[in-house]
């Protein structure tokens, strides 16, 4: 097995905000956000056809196409083809859309078409990583097993992704999901390089430690953490995994906030730094829809956090005993 592809930088920019998730973002603000990311040293950008029915890909392409292509990592997703429709299909949590509707397609032919379509929207010559998007029970409901069998079977998305990698059209592939089980099954059935796992390894929960992360380590696969704030919840928002937060989630955040306050720690900084301390984690990609959000994330990634804060979280049972804790920074 050749060395598996990883993003160029540990901090990336997630593309949901550029697809108008929760609120409208202008084209100008989208470009300014990507420009601010570049100025902050971020060189990993993630998008998807699903985000605003192509809107996020268009905005990333417009912002990146003048940049040196070998100096950044770009990932997008497959599993949904965009078919023309006017007006466009508004799909929550996105509040706007380009004039397309989303059509699920987890076949090998479908993922090849999806990659080709994404390259057209981006107006770029290649993408680095392609994730099979939302091949997960919470996204597909009782149709999950049906679509997973298509993706994992002959002529399916997994086979198609391996072929695209062999042809050099992509450098790596995996799943972009919010749950662990599809990642475990993909590792056992095929040869993915990297997973984009949203919301499952955060200060709120660390379930991948039990089985997924050890299997990734054994196979040489990596994980990119999406949603390190659990849909903005750990940064002060009211949503958790795209839904209004539950009372028990609010209570746990309050305990985290109290300990952070006692140690003079910014909880959002702790949320970002916690995830990337695990050796299988290649990057973390909080979303941002403005330069201000982006610059703040870049700053939070480098704030010094006292080891005593992390140890108290462990003592209080707020993080798992086996979770690696961020080391003290060498330049502190």
C-alpha atoms as a PDB file:
ATOM      1  CA  UNK A   1       0.000   0.000   0.000  1.00  0.00           C
ATOM      2  CA  UNK A   2       1.371   3.387  -0.964  1.00  0.00           C
ATOM      3  CA  UNK A   3       1.439   6.127   1.646  1.00  0.00           C
ATOM      4  CA  UNK A   4      -2.078   7.442   2.007  1.00  0.00           C
ATOM      5  CA  UNK A   5      -2.840  11.017   1.076  1.00  0.00           C
ATOM      6  CA  UNK A   6      -3.424  13.522   3.891  1.00  0.00           C
ATOM      7  CA  UNK A   7      -4.484  17.190   3.851  1.00  0.00           C
ATOM      8  CA  UNK A   8      -1.657  19.709   3.674  1.00  0.00           C
ATOM      9  CA  UNK A   9      -2.616  21.551   6.883  1.00  0.00           C
ATOM     10  CA  UNK A  10      -4.116  20.427  10.191  1.00  0.00           C
ATOM     11  CA  UNK A  11      -6.695  23.211  10.208  1.00  0.00           C
ATOM     12  CA  UNK A  12      -9.079  23.393   7.279  1.00  0.00           C
ATOM     13  CA  UNK A  13     -12.118  25.344   6.188  1.00  0.00           C
ATOM     14  CA  UNK A  14     -15.411  23.499   5.962  1.00  0.00           C
ATOM     15  CA  UNK A  15     -17.683  24.612   3.162  1.00  0.00           C
ATOM     16  CA  UNK A  16     -21.193  24.514   4.627  1.00  0.00           C
ATOM     17  CA  UNK A  17     -21.187  28.242   5.340  1.00  0.00           C
ATOM     18  CA  UNK A  18     -20.320  28.998   1.717  1.00  0.00           C
ATOM     19  CA  UNK A  19     -23.405  26.966   0.803  1.00  0.00           C
ATOM     20  CA  UNK A  20     -25.683  29.198   2.905  1.00  0.00           C
ATOM     21  CA  UNK A  21     -26.209  26.866   5.839  1.00  0.00           C
ATOM     22  CA  UNK A  22     -28.583  28.505   8.367  1.00  0.00           C
ATOM     23  CA  UNK A  23     -28.181  31.971   6.805  1.00  0.00           C
ATOM     24  CA  UNK A  24     -27.388  33.726   3.546  1.00  0.00           C
ATOM     25  CA  UNK A  25     -23.761  34.447   2.632  1.00  0.00           C
ATOM     26  CA  UNK A  26     -22.888  36.657  -0.318  1.00  0.00           C
ATOM     27  CA  UNK A  27     -20.434  35.664  -3.028  1.00  0.00           C
ATOM     28  CA  UNK A  28     -18.210  38.494  -1.858  1.00  0.00           C
ATOM     29  CA  UNK A  29     -18.251  37.281   1.741  1.00  0.00           C
ATOM     30  CA  UNK A  30     -17.501  33.755   0.570  1.00  0.00           C
ATOM     31  CA  UNK A  31     -14.432  34.876  -1.346  1.00  0.00           C
ATOM     32  CA  UNK A  32     -13.302  37.041   1.550  1.00  0.00           C
ATOM     33  CA  UNK A  33     -13.594  34.021   3.860  1.00  0.00           C
ATOM     34  CA  UNK A  34     -11.411  31.860   1.631  1.00  0.00           C
ATOM     35  CA  UNK A  35      -8.920  34.708   1.216  1.00  0.00           C
ATOM     36  CA  UNK A  36      -8.754  35.110   4.990  1.00  0.00           C
ATOM     37  CA  UNK A  37      -8.184  31.379   5.365  1.00  0.00           C
ATOM     38  CA  UNK A  38      -5.281  31.557   2.940  1.00  0.00           C
ATOM     39  CA  UNK A  39      -3.780  34.520   4.769  1.00  0.00           C
ATOM     40  CA  UNK A  40      -4.070  32.574   8.036  1.00  0.00           C
ATOM     41  CA  UNK A  41      -2.055  29.704   6.563  1.00  0.00           C
ATOM     42  CA  UNK A  42      -4.970  27.331   5.988  1.00  0.00           C
ATOM     43  CA  UNK A  43      -4.465  25.124   2.942  1.00  0.00           C
ATOM     44  CA  UNK A  44      -7.246  22.561   3.266  1.00  0.00           C
ATOM     45  CA  UNK A  45     -10.704  23.328   1.888  1.00  0.00           C
ATOM     46  CA  UNK A  46     -13.705  21.001   1.947  1.00  0.00           C
ATOM     47  CA  UNK A  47     -16.927  21.373   0.000  1.00  0.00           C
ATOM     48  CA  UNK A  48     -19.761  19.271  -1.483  1.00  0.00           C
ATOM     49  CA  UNK A  49     -22.442  19.401  -4.186  1.00  0.00           C
ATOM     50  CA  UNK A  50     -25.031  19.174  -1.409  1.00  0.00           C
ATOM     51  CA  UNK A  51     -24.014  22.522   0.115  1.00  0.00           C
ATOM     52  CA  UNK A  52     -26.420  24.976  -1.481  1.00  0.00           C
ATOM     53  CA  UNK A  53     -26.957  22.654  -4.485  1.00  0.00           C
ATOM     54  CA  UNK A  54     -23.556  23.522  -5.921  1.00  0.00           C
ATOM     55  CA  UNK A  55     -23.250  27.009  -4.418  1.00  0.00           C
ATOM     56  CA  UNK A  56     -20.369  26.129  -2.099  1.00  0.00           C
ATOM     57  CA  UNK A  57     -18.368  24.504  -4.902  1.00  0.00           C
ATOM     58  CA  UNK A  58     -18.861  27.508  -7.165  1.00  0.00           C
ATOM     59  CA  UNK A  59     -17.693  29.882  -4.461  1.00  0.00           C
ATOM     60  CA  UNK A  60     -14.636  27.815  -3.580  1.00  0.00           C
ATOM     61  CA  UNK A  61     -13.674  27.525  -7.215  1.00  0.00           C
ATOM     62  CA  UNK A  62     -13.982  31.259  -7.775  1.00  0.00           C
ATOM     63  CA  UNK A  63     -11.865  31.976  -4.702  1.00  0.00           C
ATOM     64  CA  UNK A  64      -9.189  29.324  -5.303  1.00  0.00           C
ATOM     65  CA  UNK A  65      -8.628  29.110  -9.032  1.00  0.00           C
ATOM     66  CA  UNK A  66      -6.010  31.873  -9.055  1.00  0.00           C
ATOM     67  CA  UNK A  67      -4.087  30.155  -6.227  1.00  0.00           C
ATOM     68  CA  UNK A  68      -1.206  27.717  -6.940  1.00  0.00           C
ATOM     69  CA  UNK A  69      -2.971  24.353  -7.223  1.00  0.00           C
ATOM     70  CA  UNK A  70      -0.132  22.353  -5.686  1.00  0.00           C
ATOM     71  CA  UNK A  71      -0.217  24.437  -2.512  1.00  0.00           C
ATOM     72  CA  UNK A  72      -3.578  23.364  -1.117  1.00  0.00           C
ATOM     73  CA  UNK A  73      -5.792  20.329  -0.537  1.00  0.00           C
ATOM     74  CA  UNK A  74      -9.345  20.346  -1.898  1.00  0.00           C
ATOM     75  CA  UNK A  75     -11.940  17.747  -1.021  1.00  0.00           C
ATOM     76  CA  UNK A  76     -15.492  17.388  -2.227  1.00  0.00           C
ATOM     77  CA  UNK A  77     -18.104  14.673  -2.089  1.00  0.00           C
ATOM     78  CA  UNK A  78     -20.028  12.196  -4.209  1.00  0.00           C
ATOM     79  CA  UNK A  79     -23.366  10.413  -3.807  1.00  0.00           C
ATOM     80  CA  UNK A  80     -25.653  13.217  -4.947  1.00  0.00           C
ATOM     81  CA  UNK A  81     -25.917  14.328  -8.553  1.00  0.00           C
ATOM     82  CA  UNK A  82     -27.385  17.744  -9.312  1.00  0.00           C
ATOM     83  CA  UNK A  83     -30.136  17.831 -11.928  1.00  0.00           C
ATOM     84  CA  UNK A  84     -31.472  21.128 -13.333  1.00  0.00           C
ATOM     85  CA  UNK A  85     -34.575  22.437 -11.584  1.00  0.00           C
ATOM     86  CA  UNK A  86     -35.996  25.933 -11.303  1.00  0.00           C
ATOM     87  CA  UNK A  87     -36.298  27.159  -8.661  1.00  0.00           C
ATOM     88  CA  UNK A  88     -33.586  25.211  -6.893  1.00  0.00           C
ATOM     89  CA  UNK A  89     -34.317  22.672  -4.193  1.00  0.00           C
ATOM     90  CA  UNK A  90     -33.988  24.164  -0.714  1.00  0.00           C
ATOM     91  CA  UNK A  91     -32.798  21.390   1.598  1.00  0.00           C
ATOM     92  CA  UNK A  92     -32.416  22.152   5.314  1.00  0.00           C
ATOM     93  CA  UNK A  93     -30.190  23.276   6.921  1.00  0.00           C
ATOM     94  CA  UNK A  94     -29.355  25.266   3.754  1.00  0.00           C
ATOM     95  CA  UNK A  95     -31.490  28.334   3.196  1.00  0.00           C
ATOM     96  CA  UNK A  96     -30.675  28.954  -0.487  1.00  0.00           C
ATOM     97  CA  UNK A  97     -29.835  26.875  -3.544  1.00  0.00           C
ATOM     98  CA  UNK A  98     -28.672  27.124  -7.119  1.00  0.00           C
ATOM     99  CA  UNK A  99     -31.286  25.952  -9.675  1.00  0.00           C
ATOM    100  CA  UNK A 100     -30.773  22.218  -9.156  1.00  0.00           C
ATOM    101  CA  UNK A 101     -32.276  19.291  -7.288  1.00  0.00           C
ATOM    102  CA  UNK A 102     -30.267  16.557  -5.591  1.00  0.00           C
ATOM    103  CA  UNK A 103     -30.551  12.953  -6.801  1.00  0.00           C
ATOM    104  CA  UNK A 104     -28.915  10.151  -4.834  1.00  0.00           C
ATOM    105  CA  UNK A 105     -26.538   7.968  -6.828  1.00  0.00           C
ATOM    106  CA  UNK A 106     -24.089   5.627  -5.091  1.00  0.00           C
ATOM    107  CA  UNK A 107     -23.016   3.709  -8.189  1.00  0.00           C
ATOM    108  CA  UNK A 108     -19.543   3.711  -9.727  1.00  0.00           C
ATOM    109  CA  UNK A 109     -20.874   5.543 -12.772  1.00  0.00           C
ATOM    110  CA  UNK A 110     -22.596   8.041 -10.488  1.00  0.00           C
ATOM    111  CA  UNK A 111     -19.487   8.886  -8.478  1.00  0.00           C
ATOM    112  CA  UNK A 112     -17.443   9.345 -11.650  1.00  0.00           C
ATOM    113  CA  UNK A 113     -20.106  11.678 -13.018  1.00  0.00           C
ATOM    114  CA  UNK A 114     -20.210  13.501  -9.684  1.00  0.00           C
ATOM    115  CA  UNK A 115     -16.445  14.102  -9.692  1.00  0.00           C
ATOM    116  CA  UNK A 116     -16.585  15.337 -13.297  1.00  0.00           C
ATOM    117  CA  UNK A 117     -19.497  17.665 -12.485  1.00  0.00           C
ATOM    118  CA  UNK A 118     -17.696  19.008  -9.416  1.00  0.00           C
ATOM    119  CA  UNK A 119     -14.609  19.788 -11.481  1.00  0.00           C
ATOM    120  CA  UNK A 120     -16.804  21.792 -13.853  1.00  0.00           C
ATOM    121  CA  UNK A 121     -18.418  23.745 -11.005  1.00  0.00           C
ATOM    122  CA  UNK A 122     -15.056  24.366  -9.376  1.00  0.00           C
ATOM    123  CA  UNK A 123     -13.338  25.112 -12.702  1.00  0.00           C
ATOM    124  CA  UNK A 124     -10.278  23.329 -11.355  1.00  0.00           C
ATOM    125  CA  UNK A 125      -8.203  20.574 -12.928  1.00  0.00           C
ATOM    126  CA  UNK A 126      -8.402  18.043 -10.124  1.00  0.00           C
ATOM    127  CA  UNK A 127      -9.632  17.368  -6.617  1.00  0.00           C
ATOM    128  CA  UNK A 128      -7.527  15.661  -3.986  1.00  0.00           C
ATOM    129  CA  UNK A 129     -10.013  13.744  -1.851  1.00  0.00           C
ATOM    130  CA  UNK A 130     -13.526  12.543  -2.667  1.00  0.00           C
ATOM    131  CA  UNK A 131     -15.810  11.483   0.166  1.00  0.00           C
ATOM    132  CA  UNK A 132     -18.916   9.321  -0.332  1.00  0.00           C
ATOM    133  CA  UNK A 133     -21.400  11.692   1.275  1.00  0.00           C
ATOM    134  CA  UNK A 134     -24.078  10.836   3.859  1.00  0.00           C
ATOM    135  CA  UNK A 135     -23.962   7.070   3.330  1.00  0.00           C
ATOM    136  CA  UNK A 136     -25.265   6.833   6.857  1.00  0.00           C
ATOM    137  CA  UNK A 137     -28.408   5.771   8.750  1.00  0.00           C
ATOM    138  CA  UNK A 138     -29.250   9.236  10.090  1.00  0.00           C
ATOM    139  CA  UNK A 139     -29.191  10.662   6.555  1.00  0.00           C
ATOM    140  CA  UNK A 140     -30.894   7.833   4.656  1.00  0.00           C
ATOM    141  CA  UNK A 141     -33.221   6.372   7.281  1.00  0.00           C
ATOM    142  CA  UNK A 142     -34.686   2.993   6.417  1.00  0.00           C
ATOM    143  CA  UNK A 143     -33.111   3.223   2.951  1.00  0.00           C
ATOM    144  CA  UNK A 144     -29.582   3.156   4.388  1.00  0.00           C
ATOM    145  CA  UNK A 145     -28.975  -0.576   3.963  1.00  0.00           C
ATOM    146  CA  UNK A 146     -30.295  -0.457   0.399  1.00  0.00           C
ATOM    147  CA  UNK A 147     -27.921   2.317  -0.590  1.00  0.00           C
ATOM    148  CA  UNK A 148     -24.992   0.876   1.340  1.00  0.00           C
ATOM    149  CA  UNK A 149     -25.314  -2.391  -0.531  1.00  0.00           C
ATOM    150  CA  UNK A 150     -25.291  -0.474  -3.812  1.00  0.00           C
ATOM    151  CA  UNK A 151     -22.197   1.491  -2.774  1.00  0.00           C
ATOM    152  CA  UNK A 152     -20.285  -1.527  -1.455  1.00  0.00           C
ATOM    153  CA  UNK A 153     -21.357  -4.003  -4.142  1.00  0.00           C
ATOM    154  CA  UNK A 154     -20.169  -4.682  -7.704  1.00  0.00           C
ATOM    155  CA  UNK A 155     -20.383  -1.536  -9.813  1.00  0.00           C
ATOM    156  CA  UNK A 156     -20.830   0.572  -6.686  1.00  0.00           C
ATOM    157  CA  UNK A 157     -19.287   3.736  -5.303  1.00  0.00           C
ATOM    158  CA  UNK A 158     -16.457   2.009  -3.420  1.00  0.00           C
ATOM    159  CA  UNK A 159     -15.311   0.196  -6.544  1.00  0.00           C
ATOM    160  CA  UNK A 160     -15.638   3.417  -8.513  1.00  0.00           C
ATOM    161  CA  UNK A 161     -13.588   5.378  -6.010  1.00  0.00           C
ATOM    162  CA  UNK A 162     -10.756   2.847  -6.026  1.00  0.00           C
ATOM    163  CA  UNK A 163     -10.712   3.093  -9.830  1.00  0.00           C
ATOM    164  CA  UNK A 164     -10.639   6.915  -9.756  1.00  0.00           C
ATOM    165  CA  UNK A 165      -7.712   6.729  -7.348  1.00  0.00           C
ATOM    166  CA  UNK A 166      -5.880   4.235  -9.539  1.00  0.00           C
ATOM    167  CA  UNK A 167      -6.378   6.533 -12.530  1.00  0.00           C
ATOM    168  CA  UNK A 168      -4.970   9.479 -10.570  1.00  0.00           C
ATOM    169  CA  UNK A 169      -8.189  11.495 -10.886  1.00  0.00           C
ATOM    170  CA  UNK A 170      -8.311  11.639  -7.085  1.00  0.00           C
ATOM    171  CA  UNK A 171      -5.519  11.058  -4.564  1.00  0.00           C
ATOM    172  CA  UNK A 172      -7.639   9.561  -1.811  1.00  0.00           C
ATOM    173  CA  UNK A 173     -11.196   8.617  -0.916  1.00  0.00           C
ATOM    174  CA  UNK A 174     -13.391   7.657   2.001  1.00  0.00           C
ATOM    175  CA  UNK A 175     -16.770   8.464   3.534  1.00  0.00           C
ATOM    176  CA  UNK A 176     -18.103  11.829   4.678  1.00  0.00           C
ATOM    177  CA  UNK A 177     -20.619  10.920   7.382  1.00  0.00           C
ATOM    178  CA  UNK A 178     -21.891  11.735  10.871  1.00  0.00           C
ATOM    179  CA  UNK A 179     -21.855   8.155  12.210  1.00  0.00           C
ATOM    180  CA  UNK A 180     -19.171   5.552  12.856  1.00  0.00           C
ATOM    181  CA  UNK A 181     -20.713   2.286  11.651  1.00  0.00           C
ATOM    182  CA  UNK A 182     -20.502   3.009   7.883  1.00  0.00           C
ATOM    183  CA  UNK A 183     -16.793   3.853   8.274  1.00  0.00           C
ATOM    184  CA  UNK A 184     -16.112   0.556  10.038  1.00  0.00           C
ATOM    185  CA  UNK A 185     -17.939  -1.369   7.336  1.00  0.00           C
ATOM    186  CA  UNK A 186     -16.120   0.470   4.550  1.00  0.00           C
ATOM    187  CA  UNK A 187     -12.743  -0.359   6.128  1.00  0.00           C
ATOM    188  CA  UNK A 188     -13.672  -4.018   6.296  1.00  0.00           C
ATOM    189  CA  UNK A 189     -15.092  -4.202   2.762  1.00  0.00           C
ATOM    190  CA  UNK A 190     -12.832  -1.913   0.729  1.00  0.00           C
ATOM    191  CA  UNK A 191      -9.699   0.240   0.876  1.00  0.00           C
ATOM    192  CA  UNK A 192     -10.566   3.815   1.916  1.00  0.00           C
ATOM    193  CA  UNK A 193      -7.794   6.265   2.741  1.00  0.00           C
ATOM    194  CA  UNK A 194      -9.486   8.846   4.910  1.00  0.00           C
ATOM    195  CA  UNK A 195     -12.821   9.629   6.542  1.00  0.00           C
ATOM    196  CA  UNK A 196     -14.532  12.937   7.146  1.00  0.00           C
ATOM    197  CA  UNK A 197     -16.375  12.235  10.382  1.00  0.00           C
ATOM    198  CA  UNK A 198     -18.557  15.046  11.678  1.00  0.00           C
ATOM    199  CA  UNK A 199     -19.354  15.591  15.325  1.00  0.00           C
ATOM    200  CA  UNK A 200     -18.325  12.222  16.742  1.00  0.00           C
ATOM    201  CA  UNK A 201     -14.918  13.039  18.216  1.00  0.00           C
ATOM    202  CA  UNK A 202     -15.341  16.253  20.156  1.00  0.00           C
ATOM    203  CA  UNK A 203     -15.353  17.447  23.735  1.00  0.00           C
ATOM    204  CA  UNK A 204     -18.981  16.307  23.803  1.00  0.00           C
ATOM    205  CA  UNK A 205     -18.327  12.684  22.806  1.00  0.00           C
ATOM    206  CA  UNK A 206     -15.438  10.375  21.897  1.00  0.00           C
ATOM    207  CA  UNK A 207     -17.103   7.196  20.620  1.00  0.00           C
ATOM    208  CA  UNK A 208     -14.550   6.575  17.779  1.00  0.00           C
ATOM    209  CA  UNK A 209     -11.956   5.638  20.405  1.00  0.00           C
ATOM    210  CA  UNK A 210     -13.618   2.286  20.970  1.00  0.00           C
ATOM    211  CA  UNK A 211     -13.289   0.711  17.528  1.00  0.00           C
ATOM    212  CA  UNK A 212     -12.949   3.105  14.602  1.00  0.00           C
ATOM    213  CA  UNK A 213      -9.715   4.872  15.529  1.00  0.00           C
ATOM    214  CA  UNK A 214      -7.880   1.619  16.388  1.00  0.00           C
ATOM    215  CA  UNK A 215      -8.969   0.085  13.069  1.00  0.00           C
ATOM    216  CA  UNK A 216      -7.906   3.200  11.172  1.00  0.00           C
ATOM    217  CA  UNK A 217      -4.501   3.035  12.862  1.00  0.00           C
ATOM    218  CA  UNK A 218      -4.133  -0.622  11.918  1.00  0.00           C
ATOM    219  CA  UNK A 219      -5.048   0.062   8.283  1.00  0.00           C
ATOM    220  CA  UNK A 220      -3.064   3.304   7.926  1.00  0.00           C
ATOM    221  CA  UNK A 221      -6.237   5.313   7.304  1.00  0.00           C
ATOM    222  CA  UNK A 222      -6.790   8.815   8.650  1.00  0.00           C
ATOM    223  CA  UNK A 223      -9.707  10.891   9.875  1.00  0.00           C
ATOM    224  CA  UNK A 224     -10.646  14.504   9.246  1.00  0.00           C
ATOM    225  CA  UNK A 225     -12.898  15.904  11.940  1.00  0.00           C
ATOM    226  CA  UNK A 226     -15.865  17.845  10.670  1.00  0.00           C
ATOM    227  CA  UNK A 227     -18.085  19.715  13.086  1.00  0.00           C
ATOM    228  CA  UNK A 228     -15.497  20.044  15.883  1.00  0.00           C
ATOM    229  CA  UNK A 229     -17.913  22.448  17.599  1.00  0.00           C
ATOM    230  CA  UNK A 230     -20.883  20.060  17.061  1.00  0.00           C
ATOM    231  CA  UNK A 231     -22.605  22.436  14.620  1.00  0.00           C
ATOM    232  CA  UNK A 232     -21.350  25.471  16.502  1.00  0.00           C
ATOM    233  CA  UNK A 233     -22.641  24.265  19.878  1.00  0.00           C
ATOM    234  CA  UNK A 234     -19.254  24.302  21.631  1.00  0.00           C
ATOM    235  CA  UNK A 235     -18.617  27.780  20.232  1.00  0.00           C
ATOM    236  CA  UNK A 236     -21.822  29.075  21.839  1.00  0.00           C
ATOM    237  CA  UNK A 237     -24.479  28.131  19.284  1.00  0.00           C
ATOM    238  CA  UNK A 238     -27.905  26.635  19.948  1.00  0.00           C
ATOM    239  CA  UNK A 239     -27.710  23.715  17.478  1.00  0.00           C
ATOM    240  CA  UNK A 240     -26.112  20.332  18.160  1.00  0.00           C
ATOM    241  CA  UNK A 241     -25.505  18.153  15.092  1.00  0.00           C
ATOM    242  CA  UNK A 242     -27.763  20.457  13.050  1.00  0.00           C
ATOM    243  CA  UNK A 243     -30.702  20.154  15.500  1.00  0.00           C
ATOM    244  CA  UNK A 244     -31.736  22.245  18.521  1.00  0.00           C
ATOM    245  CA  UNK A 245     -29.607  21.147  21.472  1.00  0.00           C
ATOM    246  CA  UNK A 246     -31.120  18.858  24.109  1.00  0.00           C
ATOM    247  CA  UNK A 247     -31.095  19.686  27.800  1.00  0.00           C
ATOM    248  CA  UNK A 248     -28.468  17.078  28.689  1.00  0.00           C
ATOM    249  CA  UNK A 249     -26.187  18.463  25.982  1.00  0.00           C
ATOM    250  CA  UNK A 250     -26.629  21.970  27.328  1.00  0.00           C
ATOM    251  CA  UNK A 251     -25.814  20.728  30.835  1.00  0.00           C
ATOM    252  CA  UNK A 252     -22.591  19.047  29.711  1.00  0.00           C
ATOM    253  CA  UNK A 253     -21.525  22.181  27.860  1.00  0.00           C
ATOM    254  CA  UNK A 254     -22.131  24.174  31.045  1.00  0.00           C
ATOM    255  CA  UNK A 255     -19.827  21.833  32.995  1.00  0.00           C
ATOM    256  CA  UNK A 256     -17.177  22.256  30.292  1.00  0.00           C
ATOM    257  CA  UNK A 257     -17.632  26.020  30.397  1.00  0.00           C
ATOM    258  CA  UNK A 258     -17.231  26.141  34.176  1.00  0.00           C
ATOM    259  CA  UNK A 259     -13.962  24.206  34.112  1.00  0.00           C
ATOM    260  CA  UNK A 260     -12.713  26.290  31.192  1.00  0.00           C
ATOM    261  CA  UNK A 261     -13.523  29.489  33.080  1.00  0.00           C
ATOM    262  CA  UNK A 262     -11.687  28.231  36.165  1.00  0.00           C
ATOM    263  CA  UNK A 263      -8.549  27.745  34.075  1.00  0.00           C
ATOM    264  CA  UNK A 264      -8.927  30.867  31.932  1.00  0.00           C
ATOM    265  CA  UNK A 265      -9.453  28.725  28.817  1.00  0.00           C
ATOM    266  CA  UNK A 266     -11.492  29.573  25.735  1.00  0.00           C
ATOM    267  CA  UNK A 267     -13.753  26.530  25.306  1.00  0.00           C
ATOM    268  CA  UNK A 268     -13.805  26.928  21.522  1.00  0.00           C
ATOM    269  CA  UNK A 269      -9.995  26.781  21.478  1.00  0.00           C
ATOM    270  CA  UNK A 270     -10.089  23.627  23.570  1.00  0.00           C
ATOM    271  CA  UNK A 271     -12.646  22.078  21.209  1.00  0.00           C
ATOM    272  CA  UNK A 272     -10.419  22.640  18.180  1.00  0.00           C
ATOM    273  CA  UNK A 273      -7.201  21.488  19.807  1.00  0.00           C
ATOM    274  CA  UNK A 274      -8.639  18.395  21.494  1.00  0.00           C
ATOM    275  CA  UNK A 275      -9.526  16.569  18.288  1.00  0.00           C
ATOM    276  CA  UNK A 276      -6.225  16.921  16.463  1.00  0.00           C
ATOM    277  CA  UNK A 277      -4.299  15.525  19.440  1.00  0.00           C
ATOM    278  CA  UNK A 278      -5.245  11.999  18.342  1.00  0.00           C
ATOM    279  CA  UNK A 279      -2.635  10.475  16.000  1.00  0.00           C
ATOM    280  CA  UNK A 280      -5.145   9.182  13.417  1.00  0.00           C
ATOM    281  CA  UNK A 281      -6.658  12.673  13.039  1.00  0.00           C
ATOM    282  CA  UNK A 282      -5.168  14.425  10.007  1.00  0.00           C
ATOM    283  CA  UNK A 283      -7.109  17.699  10.230  1.00  0.00           C
ATOM    284  CA  UNK A 284     -10.108  19.479  11.671  1.00  0.00           C
ATOM    285  CA  UNK A 285     -12.415  21.624   9.558  1.00  0.00           C
ATOM    286  CA  UNK A 286     -14.716  23.991  11.415  1.00  0.00           C
ATOM    287  CA  UNK A 287     -17.087  25.846   9.151  1.00  0.00           C
ATOM    288  CA  UNK A 288     -16.907  29.596   8.712  1.00  0.00           C
ATOM    289  CA  UNK A 289     -18.966  31.975   6.620  1.00  0.00           C
ATOM    290  CA  UNK A 290     -17.041  35.181   7.268  1.00  0.00           C
ATOM    291  CA  UNK A 291     -13.408  36.288   7.544  1.00  0.00           C
ATOM    292  CA  UNK A 292     -14.006  37.083  11.211  1.00  0.00           C
ATOM    293  CA  UNK A 293     -15.038  33.485  11.981  1.00  0.00           C
ATOM    294  CA  UNK A 294     -12.110  32.174  10.005  1.00  0.00           C
ATOM    295  CA  UNK A 295      -9.478  34.355  11.651  1.00  0.00           C
ATOM    296  CA  UNK A 296     -10.855  33.449  15.056  1.00  0.00           C
ATOM    297  CA  UNK A 297     -10.581  29.714  14.314  1.00  0.00           C
ATOM    298  CA  UNK A 298      -6.991  30.123  13.158  1.00  0.00           C
ATOM    299  CA  UNK A 299      -6.136  31.996  16.341  1.00  0.00           C
ATOM    300  CA  UNK A 300      -7.898  29.479  18.585  1.00  0.00           C
ATOM    301  CA  UNK A 301      -5.847  26.640  17.122  1.00  0.00           C
ATOM    302  CA  UNK A 302      -2.658  28.136  18.565  1.00  0.00           C
ATOM    303  CA  UNK A 303      -3.756  29.457  21.954  1.00  0.00           C
ATOM    304  CA  UNK A 304      -1.777  27.938  24.819  1.00  0.00           C
ATOM    305  CA  UNK A 305      -3.956  25.784  27.110  1.00  0.00           C
ATOM    306  CA  UNK A 306      -2.659  24.689  30.507  1.00  0.00           C
ATOM    307  CA  UNK A 307      -2.278  20.901  30.959  1.00  0.00           C
ATOM    308  CA  UNK A 308      -4.208  21.191  34.233  1.00  0.00           C
ATOM    309  CA  UNK A 309      -7.370  22.016  32.259  1.00  0.00           C
ATOM    310  CA  UNK A 310      -7.150  18.806  30.247  1.00  0.00           C
ATOM    311  CA  UNK A 311      -6.408  16.747  33.327  1.00  0.00           C
ATOM    312  CA  UNK A 312      -9.448  18.115  35.122  1.00  0.00           C
ATOM    313  CA  UNK A 313     -11.659  17.183  32.176  1.00  0.00           C
ATOM    314  CA  UNK A 314     -10.306  13.647  32.432  1.00  0.00           C
ATOM    315  CA  UNK A 315     -10.719  13.482  36.222  1.00  0.00           C
ATOM    316  CA  UNK A 316     -14.315  14.718  35.910  1.00  0.00           C
ATOM    317  CA  UNK A 317     -15.069  12.083  33.279  1.00  0.00           C
ATOM    318  CA  UNK A 318     -15.802  14.679  30.602  1.00  0.00           C
ATOM    319  CA  UNK A 319     -13.265  13.148  28.226  1.00  0.00           C
ATOM    320  CA  UNK A 320     -12.442   9.462  27.902  1.00  0.00           C
ATOM    321  CA  UNK A 321      -9.501   8.101  29.850  1.00  0.00           C
ATOM    322  CA  UNK A 322      -7.854   6.813  26.663  1.00  0.00           C
ATOM    323  CA  UNK A 323      -8.255  10.072  24.719  1.00  0.00           C
ATOM    324  CA  UNK A 324      -4.855  11.632  23.894  1.00  0.00           C
ATOM    325  CA  UNK A 325      -4.600  15.099  25.371  1.00  0.00           C
ATOM    326  CA  UNK A 326      -2.956  18.028  23.564  1.00  0.00           C
ATOM    327  CA  UNK A 327       0.683  18.450  24.568  1.00  0.00           C
ATOM    328  CA  UNK A 328       2.070  21.623  26.037  1.00  0.00           C
ATOM    329  CA  UNK A 329       3.251  23.818  23.169  1.00  0.00           C
ATOM    330  CA  UNK A 330       6.998  23.911  22.703  1.00  0.00           C
ATOM    331  CA  UNK A 331       7.125  27.690  22.368  1.00  0.00           C
ATOM    332  CA  UNK A 332       5.121  28.378  25.507  1.00  0.00           C
END
